[in-house]
Amino acid sequence: MSTDLLTRDRLAGRQGGVWAYVSPSRLGKWLSCPLAFRIQYIDGIWSPTTPSLFLGKTVHASLEAFYRNRQLGITLTLAELSHRLSDSWGQMAEKEGMKFQSTAEEDALKKQAMDLVSTYLQQVPADEPRPLAVEVAVEAPLVDPGTGEDLGVPLVGIVDLILDDKAGPTIIDFKTAARSAEPLEVIHEIQLTSYAFLLRHVSTGNEAGLEIRSLVKTKAPKIETHRYLPRTDAHFRRLFAVVREYLDALDRGQFNFRPNWGCGMCDFRDSHCRNWQG
């Protein structure tokens, strides 16, 4: 892999208007609901951190620590990760503005986070390849591989993990889930194809595959790994079709609401969305 990578600090420096860059998260929010995208990324109104979201962030942070040490040839034990999680818990809660209703709720969430991490560590193969990259931010110009057209704005994304398998790099994305289920590939296609596009920009070869590793928050936590084939020309054609439509919407300044199953979990549903409809 090349060194055309961003640190988190440099990525934070890129934050700005919606024309600064395209990202999988911005595309995902816009695809879900253009109005929610406008409220968040243009009006600058962000949803409060929920216990579920905070749990996901703490688990991600623990896995990041585990794999960063694996890069150095060090394997942290569960006890060491548990100690790190406990030490950083308060700081993370303050940073995320996380308010717990009670000490009991906080303790239960902390235990759930550690149980998920513990379950994950138990299934990590002893011979799993050393990571090529961990929580790495990558930037690439959005040049259509099919037409050669430069869309004039970069794509930026943070890839959770890249492993150097025998067949080539494997892109891995971690998710926390409330229930066990086979993830529909189409739901994650834009995100995974974006990561493949970014990897190919900084690597001499293509990805060998892509994985979603779900840490399922059931009473008895479990880990589900779903692997997908390398991206094809058709995947990139669809990605760039979505990006073009997204950029057209930015240009028009048109962000209509898009009712869907996600409305039930949207913090803007009874406030900003209602005001927009009125």
Protein backbone atom coordinates (compact mmCIF):
# COMPACT_ATOMS: atom_id res chain seq x y z
CA MET A 1 0.00 0.00 0.00
CA SER A 2 1.13 3.53 -0.68
CA THR A 3 1.43 6.27 1.92
CA ASP A 4 -1.44 8.33 0.46
CA LEU A 5 -3.35 8.02 3.73
CA LEU A 6 -4.89 10.50 6.11
CA THR A 7 -4.47 10.63 9.86
CA ARG A 8 -7.58 11.25 11.94
CA ASP A 9 -6.34 14.78 12.64
CA ARG A 10 -5.96 15.51 8.95
CA LEU A 11 -9.40 14.07 8.29
CA ALA A 12 -10.87 16.29 10.99
CA GLY A 13 -9.24 19.20 9.20
CA ARG A 14 -11.18 18.27 6.08
CA GLN A 15 -14.53 18.68 7.81
CA GLY A 16 -16.52 21.48 6.30
CA GLY A 17 -19.20 22.13 3.74
CA VAL A 18 -20.84 19.33 1.81
CA TRP A 19 -18.75 20.17 -1.24
CA ALA A 20 -15.50 19.49 0.64
CA TYR A 21 -15.66 15.75 -0.01
CA VAL A 22 -17.95 12.76 -0.50
CA SER A 23 -17.95 9.95 2.06
CA PRO A 24 -19.79 6.64 2.46
CA SER A 25 -21.54 7.96 5.58
CA ARG A 26 -22.74 11.10 3.78
CA LEU A 27 -23.95 9.06 0.82
CA GLY A 28 -25.69 6.63 3.16
CA LYS A 29 -27.50 9.38 5.04
CA TRP A 30 -28.58 11.06 1.79
CA LEU A 31 -29.81 7.77 0.33
CA SER A 32 -31.78 7.08 3.52
CA CYS A 33 -33.40 10.54 3.66
CA PRO A 34 -32.24 13.71 1.88
CA LEU A 35 -34.01 15.86 4.48
CA ALA A 36 -32.20 14.17 7.37
CA PHE A 37 -28.96 14.66 5.42
CA ARG A 38 -29.66 18.38 5.08
CA ILE A 39 -30.53 18.76 8.77
CA GLN A 40 -27.31 17.02 9.82
CA TYR A 41 -24.70 18.04 7.25
CA ILE A 42 -25.96 21.45 6.10
CA ASP A 43 -27.92 22.80 9.06
CA GLY A 44 -25.41 21.25 11.46
CA ILE A 45 -27.98 19.68 13.79
CA TRP A 46 -26.76 16.33 15.10
CA SER A 47 -28.71 13.67 16.93
CA PRO A 48 -27.74 13.02 20.56
CA THR A 49 -25.63 9.95 21.22
CA THR A 50 -27.83 7.03 22.23
CA PRO A 51 -26.70 4.17 24.50
CA SER A 52 -26.72 1.86 21.45
CA LEU A 53 -24.53 4.20 19.43
CA PHE A 54 -22.17 4.74 22.37
CA LEU A 55 -21.87 0.98 22.83
CA GLY A 56 -20.85 0.64 19.18
CA LYS A 57 -18.21 3.34 19.54
CA THR A 58 -16.65 1.78 22.64
CA VAL A 59 -16.54 -1.66 21.04
CA HIS A 60 -14.95 -0.18 17.91
CA ALA A 61 -12.36 1.59 20.06
CA SER A 62 -11.46 -1.69 21.81
CA LEU A 63 -11.10 -3.54 18.50
CA GLU A 64 -8.99 -0.69 17.14
CA ALA A 65 -6.64 -0.97 20.12
CA PHE A 66 -6.46 -4.74 19.70
CA TYR A 67 -5.55 -4.59 16.01
CA ARG A 68 -3.17 -1.65 16.28
CA ASN A 69 -1.15 -3.73 18.69
CA ARG A 70 -1.41 -6.74 16.36
CA GLN A 71 0.27 -4.56 13.73
CA LEU A 72 3.22 -4.30 16.11
CA GLY A 73 3.26 -8.02 16.80
CA ILE A 74 1.61 -7.61 20.21
CA THR A 75 -1.53 -9.50 21.20
CA LEU A 76 -3.45 -7.79 23.98
CA THR A 77 -5.25 -10.04 26.43
CA LEU A 78 -8.89 -9.62 27.36
CA ALA A 79 -7.80 -8.34 30.78
CA GLU A 80 -5.64 -5.66 29.14
CA LEU A 81 -8.45 -4.59 26.81
CA SER A 82 -10.89 -4.53 29.72
CA HIS A 83 -8.53 -2.27 31.66
CA ARG A 84 -8.17 0.05 28.66
CA LEU A 85 -11.94 0.21 28.17
CA SER A 86 -12.54 1.06 31.83
CA ASP A 87 -9.84 3.74 31.79
CA SER A 88 -11.18 5.43 28.68
CA TRP A 89 -14.91 4.99 29.38
CA GLY A 90 -15.46 8.28 31.21
CA GLN A 91 -13.46 10.29 28.69
CA MET A 92 -15.39 8.76 25.78
CA ALA A 93 -18.73 9.42 27.49
CA GLU A 94 -17.78 13.07 28.01
CA LYS A 95 -16.55 13.43 24.42
CA GLU A 96 -19.78 11.94 23.02
CA GLY A 97 -22.00 13.87 25.41
CA MET A 98 -23.37 10.59 26.68
CA LYS A 99 -25.74 10.96 29.64
CA PHE A 100 -26.74 7.82 31.51
CA GLN A 101 -30.04 7.62 33.35
CA SER A 102 -28.45 5.75 36.23
CA THR A 103 -25.25 4.10 37.41
CA ALA A 104 -26.94 0.74 36.86
CA GLU A 105 -27.60 1.58 33.19
CA GLU A 106 -23.98 2.67 32.71
CA ASP A 107 -22.59 -0.46 34.40
CA ALA A 108 -24.84 -2.70 32.29
CA LEU A 109 -23.73 -1.00 29.07
CA LYS A 110 -20.06 -1.28 30.05
CA LYS A 111 -20.50 -5.00 30.76
CA GLN A 112 -22.27 -5.49 27.44
CA ALA A 113 -19.40 -3.80 25.60
CA MET A 114 -16.83 -6.01 27.30
CA ASP A 115 -18.90 -9.15 26.67
CA LEU A 116 -18.99 -8.34 22.95
CA VAL A 117 -15.24 -7.74 22.85
CA SER A 118 -14.60 -10.93 24.80
CA THR A 119 -16.75 -12.96 22.43
CA TYR A 120 -14.94 -11.46 19.46
CA LEU A 121 -11.48 -12.25 20.84
CA GLN A 122 -12.48 -15.86 21.46
CA GLN A 123 -13.14 -16.40 17.75
CA VAL A 124 -10.11 -14.58 16.32
CA PRO A 125 -8.00 -17.23 14.55
CA ALA A 126 -4.52 -17.63 16.00
CA ASP A 127 -3.11 -17.43 12.49
CA GLU A 128 -5.10 -14.39 11.39
CA PRO A 129 -2.81 -12.26 9.20
CA ARG A 130 -1.19 -9.19 10.66
CA PRO A 131 -3.17 -6.06 9.70
CA LEU A 132 -2.09 -3.87 6.81
CA ALA A 133 -4.13 -0.97 8.18
CA VAL A 134 -6.37 -0.21 11.15
CA GLU A 135 -8.95 2.58 11.28
CA VAL A 136 -7.23 4.24 8.37
CA ALA A 137 -8.63 7.28 6.58
CA VAL A 138 -8.10 7.24 2.83
CA GLU A 139 -8.71 9.95 0.25
CA ALA A 140 -8.99 9.47 -3.50
CA PRO A 141 -10.15 11.70 -6.37
CA LEU A 142 -13.52 10.58 -7.71
CA VAL A 143 -12.43 9.63 -11.20
CA ASP A 144 -14.92 7.32 -12.89
CA PRO A 145 -12.97 4.13 -13.75
CA GLY A 146 -15.32 3.50 -16.66
CA THR A 147 -15.29 6.90 -18.36
CA GLY A 148 -12.25 8.64 -16.90
CA GLU A 149 -14.41 11.62 -15.86
CA ASP A 150 -13.14 13.49 -12.81
CA LEU A 151 -16.12 14.58 -10.71
CA GLY A 152 -14.01 17.29 -9.10
CA VAL A 153 -14.46 16.24 -5.48
CA PRO A 154 -12.59 13.60 -3.46
CA LEU A 155 -13.97 10.48 -1.81
CA VAL A 156 -12.90 10.08 1.82
CA GLY A 157 -13.58 7.10 4.05
CA ILE A 158 -12.34 5.41 7.21
CA VAL A 159 -11.76 1.67 6.81
CA ASP A 160 -11.95 -0.32 10.04
CA LEU A 161 -9.46 -3.04 9.14
CA ILE A 162 -7.46 -4.35 6.18
CA LEU A 163 -5.89 -7.78 6.51
CA ASP A 164 -3.17 -9.09 4.20
CA ASP A 165 -4.62 -12.48 3.23
CA LYS A 166 -2.74 -14.83 0.90
CA ALA A 167 -5.04 -13.92 -2.01
CA GLY A 168 -4.64 -10.18 -1.34
CA PRO A 169 -5.98 -7.47 0.97
CA THR A 170 -9.33 -8.12 2.68
CA ILE A 171 -11.43 -5.12 3.66
CA ILE A 172 -13.27 -5.58 6.98
CA ASP A 173 -16.01 -3.44 8.48
CA PHE A 174 -17.19 -3.93 12.07
CA LYS A 175 -20.82 -3.44 13.03
CA THR A 176 -22.78 -3.92 16.21
CA ALA A 177 -26.24 -5.38 15.68
CA ALA A 178 -29.26 -5.91 17.88
CA ARG A 179 -30.19 -9.24 16.35
CA SER A 180 -28.77 -12.03 14.27
CA ALA A 181 -29.51 -11.74 10.57
CA GLU A 182 -27.92 -12.26 7.18
CA PRO A 183 -27.10 -8.73 6.00
CA LEU A 184 -28.44 -7.94 2.56
CA GLU A 185 -25.40 -7.09 0.47
CA VAL A 186 -27.25 -4.35 -1.39
CA ILE A 187 -27.76 -2.44 1.87
CA HIS A 188 -23.99 -2.21 2.35
CA GLU A 189 -23.02 -2.01 -1.32
CA ILE A 190 -22.27 1.72 -1.46
CA GLN A 191 -20.11 1.58 1.66
CA LEU A 192 -18.18 -1.55 0.65
CA THR A 193 -17.70 -0.39 -2.95
CA SER A 194 -16.45 2.97 -1.69
CA TYR A 195 -13.88 1.20 0.51
CA ALA A 196 -12.76 -0.95 -2.43
CA PHE A 197 -12.39 2.16 -4.59
CA LEU A 198 -10.25 3.81 -1.90
CA LEU A 199 -8.11 0.71 -1.38
CA ARG A 200 -7.40 0.40 -5.09
CA HIS A 201 -6.24 4.03 -5.09
CA VAL A 202 -3.52 3.33 -2.50
CA SER A 203 -2.69 -0.28 -3.38
CA THR A 204 -1.06 -1.89 -6.37
CA GLY A 205 -3.67 -4.65 -6.47
CA ASN A 206 -7.37 -5.21 -5.95
CA GLU A 207 -9.05 -6.48 -2.82
CA ALA A 208 -9.36 -10.25 -2.40
CA GLY A 209 -12.72 -9.83 -0.69
CA LEU A 210 -14.77 -7.77 1.72
CA GLU A 211 -16.20 -8.76 5.09
CA ILE A 212 -18.78 -7.46 7.50
CA ARG A 213 -18.12 -8.72 11.01
CA SER A 214 -21.21 -8.19 13.13
CA LEU A 215 -21.01 -8.22 16.92
CA VAL A 216 -24.55 -9.22 17.85
CA LYS A 217 -25.92 -7.83 21.13
CA THR A 218 -28.06 -10.82 22.05
CA LYS A 219 -28.23 -12.14 25.62
CA ALA A 220 -25.45 -14.52 24.70
CA PRO A 221 -23.32 -12.33 22.39
CA LYS A 222 -22.17 -13.82 19.12
CA ILE A 223 -20.07 -12.86 16.13
CA GLU A 224 -21.26 -13.26 12.55
CA THR A 225 -18.90 -12.86 9.60
CA HIS A 226 -20.27 -12.34 6.10
CA ARG A 227 -17.84 -12.29 3.19
CA TYR A 228 -18.42 -10.73 -0.21
CA LEU A 229 -16.60 -11.02 -3.52
CA PRO A 230 -14.29 -8.34 -4.92
CA ARG A 231 -16.02 -5.39 -6.55
CA THR A 232 -16.78 -5.55 -10.26
CA ASP A 233 -17.19 -2.90 -12.95
CA ALA A 234 -20.93 -3.04 -12.31
CA HIS A 235 -20.42 -2.13 -8.64
CA PHE A 236 -18.40 0.94 -9.60
CA ARG A 237 -20.91 2.00 -12.26
CA ARG A 238 -23.65 1.93 -9.62
CA LEU A 239 -21.48 3.81 -7.11
CA PHE A 240 -20.75 6.61 -9.56
CA ALA A 241 -24.40 6.78 -10.64
CA VAL A 242 -25.32 7.40 -7.00
CA VAL A 243 -22.52 9.94 -6.52
CA ARG A 244 -23.62 11.89 -9.61
CA GLU A 245 -27.22 11.99 -8.40
CA TYR A 246 -26.02 13.07 -4.95
CA LEU A 247 -23.90 15.89 -6.40
CA ASP A 248 -26.83 17.00 -8.57
CA ALA A 249 -28.99 17.22 -5.43
CA LEU A 250 -26.33 19.36 -3.72
CA ASP A 251 -26.20 21.61 -6.76
CA ARG A 252 -30.00 22.04 -6.80
CA GLY A 253 -30.23 22.42 -3.02
CA GLN A 254 -33.19 20.05 -3.06
CA PHE A 255 -33.56 17.75 -0.05
CA ASN A 256 -37.03 16.27 0.20
CA PHE A 257 -38.01 13.91 2.99
CA ARG A 258 -38.00 10.22 2.13
CA PRO A 259 -40.34 8.19 4.37
CA ASN A 260 -39.00 4.72 5.12
CA TRP A 261 -38.59 2.17 7.91
CA GLY A 262 -35.83 4.29 9.43
CA CYS A 263 -38.29 7.08 10.32
CA GLY A 264 -39.16 5.19 13.49
CA MET A 265 -35.60 5.66 14.77
CA CYS A 266 -35.03 9.22 13.51
CA ASP A 267 -34.58 11.91 16.17
CA PHE A 268 -35.81 14.53 13.69
CA ARG A 269 -39.13 12.75 13.06
CA ASP A 270 -41.32 14.78 15.42
CA SER A 271 -39.45 18.07 15.22
CA HIS A 272 -37.51 19.25 12.19
CA CYS A 273 -39.24 16.84 9.83
CA ARG A 274 -42.69 17.97 10.98
CA ASN A 275 -41.70 21.61 10.61
CA TRP A 276 -40.47 20.96 7.09
CA GLN A 277 -43.74 19.28 6.15
CA GLY A 278 -45.69 22.22 7.58
